[in-house]
Protein backbone atom coordinates (compact mmCIF):
# COMPACT_ATOMS: atom_id res chain seq x y z
CA MET A 1 22.62 14.19 45.41
CA THR A 2 20.35 11.58 45.94
CA LEU A 3 19.53 8.42 44.31
CA GLN A 4 16.46 6.10 44.66
CA GLN A 5 15.78 2.68 43.16
CA THR A 6 12.74 0.79 42.51
CA ASP A 7 13.25 -2.94 43.55
CA GLU A 8 11.71 -4.10 40.05
CA GLY A 9 14.57 -2.38 38.60
CA ILE A 10 13.17 -0.53 36.43
CA PHE A 11 14.27 3.19 36.94
CA GLN A 12 16.02 5.21 39.10
CA ILE A 13 16.13 8.58 40.05
CA GLU A 14 18.74 10.91 40.83
CA ARG A 15 18.15 14.34 42.18
CA ARG A 16 20.79 17.22 41.70
CA GLY A 17 19.13 20.92 43.03
CA ARG A 18 15.98 21.41 40.93
CA THR A 19 17.05 18.65 38.29
CA ALA A 20 15.52 14.99 38.64
CA LEU A 21 17.14 12.42 36.26
CA LEU A 22 14.91 9.55 35.67
CA ARG A 23 17.04 6.76 34.39
CA LEU A 24 15.25 3.67 32.67
CA CYS A 25 16.49 0.69 33.42
CA GLY A 26 16.59 -2.69 31.80
CA ASN A 27 14.67 -3.39 28.24
CA PHE A 28 12.98 -0.70 27.74
CA PHE A 29 10.33 -2.46 24.86
CA GLN A 30 9.76 -4.97 26.80
CA ASN A 31 8.80 -2.14 29.85
CA ILE A 32 6.87 -0.11 27.77
CA LYS A 33 4.81 -2.94 26.53
CA ASP A 34 3.81 -4.84 30.11
CA LEU A 35 1.34 -2.50 31.74
CA GLY A 36 2.18 -2.33 34.96
CA ARG A 37 5.92 -1.91 34.04
CA ARG A 38 4.59 0.97 32.08
CA ASP A 39 2.63 2.45 34.70
CA THR A 40 5.53 2.23 37.15
CA VAL A 41 7.71 4.17 34.71
CA LEU A 42 4.69 6.68 34.80
CA ASN A 43 3.90 7.34 37.86
CA ALA A 44 7.33 8.50 38.43
CA PHE A 45 7.53 10.73 35.80
CA ASP A 46 4.05 12.25 36.87
CA MET A 47 5.51 12.39 40.60
CA LEU A 48 8.90 14.16 39.50
CA ASN A 49 6.38 16.39 37.36
CA MET A 50 4.19 17.28 40.52
CA ASP A 51 7.11 18.03 42.63
CA LYS A 52 7.38 21.81 43.11
CA ASP A 53 11.45 22.19 43.84
CA VAL A 54 12.15 20.10 39.83
CA SER A 55 12.18 22.44 37.06
CA VAL A 56 14.22 19.77 34.97
CA ILE A 57 13.88 16.02 34.07
CA ILE A 58 16.03 14.05 32.24
CA LEU A 59 14.61 11.24 30.95
CA SER A 60 18.05 8.76 30.49
CA LEU A 61 17.80 6.12 28.39
CA ALA A 62 21.69 4.79 29.34
CA TYR A 63 21.15 1.70 30.77
CA CYS A 64 18.22 0.34 28.17
CA GLY A 65 18.83 -2.83 26.41
CA VAL A 66 17.22 -1.80 22.96
CA SER A 67 17.40 -2.62 19.61
CA GLY A 68 16.22 -2.23 16.13
CA ASP A 69 15.82 -6.24 16.33
CA GLU A 70 13.31 -6.09 19.04
CA TYR A 71 10.90 -4.22 17.02
CA VAL A 72 11.01 -6.36 14.01
CA ARG A 73 10.94 -9.46 16.35
CA PHE A 74 7.75 -7.63 18.17
CA PHE A 75 5.79 -7.26 15.57
CA ARG A 76 6.55 -10.42 13.22
CA GLU A 77 5.18 -12.47 16.19
CA GLN A 78 2.13 -10.05 16.21
CA LEU A 79 1.51 -10.53 12.19
CA ASP A 80 2.11 -14.43 12.34
CA GLY A 81 -0.09 -14.80 15.39
CA MET A 82 -2.79 -12.47 13.96
CA GLU A 83 -2.60 -10.52 17.31
CA LYS A 84 -2.98 -7.21 16.81
CA GLN A 85 -4.30 -5.96 20.05
CA SER A 86 -0.54 -5.75 21.71
CA ALA A 87 0.48 -3.86 18.97
CA HIS A 88 -2.01 -1.42 19.00
CA ARG A 89 -1.37 -1.22 23.25
CA PHE A 90 2.19 -0.92 21.90
CA CYS A 91 1.42 2.47 19.88
CA ASN A 92 -1.10 3.67 22.44
CA ALA A 93 2.29 3.35 25.20
CA VAL A 94 4.26 5.58 22.66
CA ASN A 95 1.99 7.97 22.20
CA GLN A 96 1.40 8.23 25.85
CA VAL A 97 4.99 8.69 26.67
CA MET A 98 5.06 11.14 23.92
CA LEU A 99 2.25 13.46 25.14
CA GLU A 100 3.11 13.41 28.36
CA MET A 101 6.47 14.95 27.94
CA VAL A 102 5.01 17.50 25.91
CA ARG A 103 2.25 17.99 28.39
CA SER A 104 4.56 18.57 31.11
CA GLY A 105 5.23 22.13 32.68
CA LYS A 106 9.45 21.27 33.26
CA LEU A 107 11.89 21.19 30.48
CA ILE A 108 12.37 17.88 29.47
CA VAL A 109 15.99 16.75 28.59
CA HIS A 110 16.08 13.42 26.61
CA THR A 111 19.70 11.01 26.26
CA CYS A 112 20.06 8.06 24.57
CA CYS A 113 22.35 5.28 22.65
CA GLY A 114 23.13 2.38 20.71
CA ASP A 115 21.44 0.56 18.13
CA MET A 116 17.98 2.11 18.24
CA LEU A 117 14.23 1.89 17.25
CA THR A 118 13.51 4.90 15.17
CA PHE A 119 10.85 5.87 17.75
CA PHE A 120 13.53 6.94 19.91
CA LEU A 121 14.15 9.74 17.38
CA GLY A 122 10.73 10.78 17.80
CA VAL A 123 10.31 11.16 21.25
CA SER A 124 13.94 13.13 21.10
CA LEU A 125 11.64 15.07 19.14
CA ALA A 126 9.53 15.35 21.43
CA ALA A 127 11.80 16.93 24.19
CA ASP A 128 12.79 20.09 24.66
CA TYR A 129 16.15 19.13 24.43
CA SER A 130 17.79 16.13 23.16
CA ILE A 131 21.15 14.47 23.71
CA ALA A 132 22.41 10.63 21.91
CA ALA A 133 25.69 9.13 22.42
CA GLU A 134 28.64 9.09 19.64
CA GLY A 135 27.82 6.11 17.17
CA SER A 136 24.25 5.64 17.93
CA VAL A 137 21.91 4.77 15.28
CA PHE A 138 18.24 5.01 14.65
CA ARG A 139 16.97 2.38 12.42
CA ASN A 140 14.21 2.13 10.29
CA SER A 141 13.32 -1.47 11.10
CA TYR A 142 9.77 -0.91 10.13
CA GLN A 143 11.14 -1.21 6.61
CA GLU A 144 11.75 -4.55 7.51
CA ILE A 145 8.30 -6.05 7.63
CA GLY A 146 6.77 -3.42 5.36
CA LEU A 147 5.16 -1.51 8.30
CA LEU A 148 4.93 2.73 9.51
CA PRO A 149 7.24 4.63 11.25
CA LYS A 150 6.15 4.90 14.84
CA GLY A 151 6.76 7.73 17.06
CA GLY A 152 5.80 11.14 15.47
CA LEU A 153 8.49 11.32 13.14
CA PRO A 154 6.74 12.20 9.82
CA TYR A 155 4.93 14.94 12.02
CA PHE A 156 8.26 16.47 13.71
CA ILE A 157 10.52 15.39 10.48
CA SER A 158 8.04 17.10 8.04
CA ARG A 159 8.01 20.60 10.35
CA ARG A 160 11.92 20.67 11.12
CA LEU A 161 12.64 19.78 7.56
CA GLY A 162 9.92 19.75 5.40
CA ASN A 163 8.19 17.03 3.48
CA ARG A 164 10.96 15.47 1.23
CA ALA A 165 13.08 14.94 3.96
CA VAL A 166 10.61 12.66 5.42
CA TYR A 167 11.06 10.84 2.57
CA ASP A 168 14.81 11.09 1.96
CA LEU A 169 15.22 10.00 6.03
CA LEU A 170 12.21 7.39 6.61
CA LEU A 171 12.00 5.65 3.00
CA ALA A 172 15.17 6.15 1.11
CA GLU A 173 17.74 5.30 4.14
CA GLN A 174 17.62 2.30 6.52
CA SER A 175 19.08 3.89 9.34
CA ILE A 176 19.84 7.70 10.36
CA THR A 177 22.93 8.07 12.39
CA ALA A 178 22.91 10.14 15.45
CA GLU A 179 25.58 12.74 13.75
CA LYS A 180 23.61 12.99 10.51
CA ALA A 181 20.65 13.84 12.70
CA LEU A 182 22.87 16.20 14.60
CA GLU A 183 23.83 17.90 11.77
CA LEU A 184 20.08 18.31 10.35
CA GLY A 185 18.83 19.51 13.68
CA LEU A 186 16.75 16.67 14.59
CA LEU A 187 19.32 16.58 17.88
CA ASN A 188 20.60 19.20 20.41
CA ALA A 189 24.23 17.19 21.02
CA VAL A 190 26.14 14.27 20.39
CA VAL A 191 28.43 13.08 23.04
CA PRO A 192 30.78 10.31 24.23
CA ARG A 193 28.21 7.64 25.89
CA GLU A 194 30.14 8.07 29.14
CA GLN A 195 29.25 11.59 29.15
CA MET A 196 25.59 11.86 28.73
CA GLU A 197 24.11 12.24 31.42
CA GLU A 198 26.36 15.20 33.06
CA ALA A 199 26.03 16.98 29.88
CA ALA A 200 22.09 16.73 30.18
CA PHE A 201 22.98 17.88 33.82
CA ALA A 202 25.24 20.61 32.51
CA TYR A 203 22.54 21.66 30.65
CA ALA A 204 19.41 21.82 33.04
CA ALA A 205 21.91 23.59 35.47
CA ARG A 206 21.54 27.02 32.80
CA PHE A 207 17.64 27.22 34.26
CA GLU A 208 18.54 26.60 38.08
CA ASN A 209 17.92 30.12 38.90
CA VAL A 210 14.85 30.70 36.81
CA PRO A 211 11.24 30.67 38.39
CA LEU A 212 9.56 26.98 37.95
CA ARG A 213 6.56 29.20 37.12
CA THR A 214 8.13 30.97 34.40
CA VAL A 215 9.96 27.69 33.10
CA THR A 216 6.25 26.07 33.17
CA GLY A 217 4.14 28.99 31.51
CA THR A 218 6.86 29.44 28.84
CA LYS A 219 6.72 25.85 28.10
CA ARG A 220 3.10 26.10 27.71
CA LEU A 221 2.87 28.69 25.42
CA THR A 222 6.05 27.21 23.10
CA ASN A 223 3.79 23.94 22.90
CA TRP A 224 0.04 25.91 22.91
CA CYS A 225 -0.78 23.99 19.59
CA ILE A 226 0.06 20.40 20.86
CA ARG A 227 -3.99 19.12 20.16
CA ASP A 228 -2.22 19.18 16.62
CA LEU A 229 0.23 15.98 18.20
CA GLU A 230 -2.62 14.65 19.86
CA GLU A 231 -4.38 14.41 16.81
CA TYR A 232 -1.53 13.09 14.31
CA LEU A 233 -0.87 10.05 17.00
CA SER A 234 -3.95 9.49 16.95
CA TYR A 235 -4.11 8.93 12.84
CA GLU A 236 -0.29 7.32 13.16
CA ASN A 237 -1.80 4.45 14.85
CA LYS A 238 -5.27 4.21 12.40
CA GLN A 239 -2.71 4.00 9.80
CA MET A 240 -0.43 1.82 11.66
CA MET A 241 -3.50 -0.81 12.44
CA LYS A 242 -4.53 -0.82 8.71
CA THR A 243 -1.20 -1.51 7.67
CA LEU A 244 -1.66 -4.51 9.73
CA ASP A 245 -4.71 -5.69 8.66
CA GLN A 246 -3.19 -6.00 5.66
CA PHE A 247 -1.01 -8.79 6.61
CA GLY A 248 -4.47 -10.75 7.28
């Protein structure tokens, strides 16, 4: 096992065999807004994605300080100042992270916990396997300010559960518990917080002896219709900006 930590304290990398854990640290929301920090994370992901000795990447948010209040505060600041450029950059950053996960030739395992924004559920759905901590909640914070869900949620949920589930979960409810998401098949596992990363490594170990070319090829076949997601995320951004314009 090897561990590497950046001077910026943005992420750590832990490796076990052919599995690499990319542990995001600090405030994920602030890091994804900042272009330099976001590029640091994406470069780390790209490095692991190009590593021929890695077949599974675990994206861990176990040590990120994020909450639904962060989302509400950020967008209210943009609305008050009518500065939509920051909001647009944020939306693009979310899109980029999700598409990088789907395009990756590695299997992606996502772990998350706490009081989270709903787009973390979208990131979980973009992953190949997803684990959340017990008691975690995905908050529909956008309802508080009259915006739209970000992170591909209508796209993923409608394809898994149908259109009615989108309305039931994203409009009629203020939050989605991890336990509810697991019951609906939107998560693969819910475990105690202190066991999340070990559960992810245990899942990854199942593919330790599968040739990387087989993993990569199978994932490409599974996600061959990625253009649908790309088009959806672009359309999602346009609808988000149109909604923001109504505040003017």
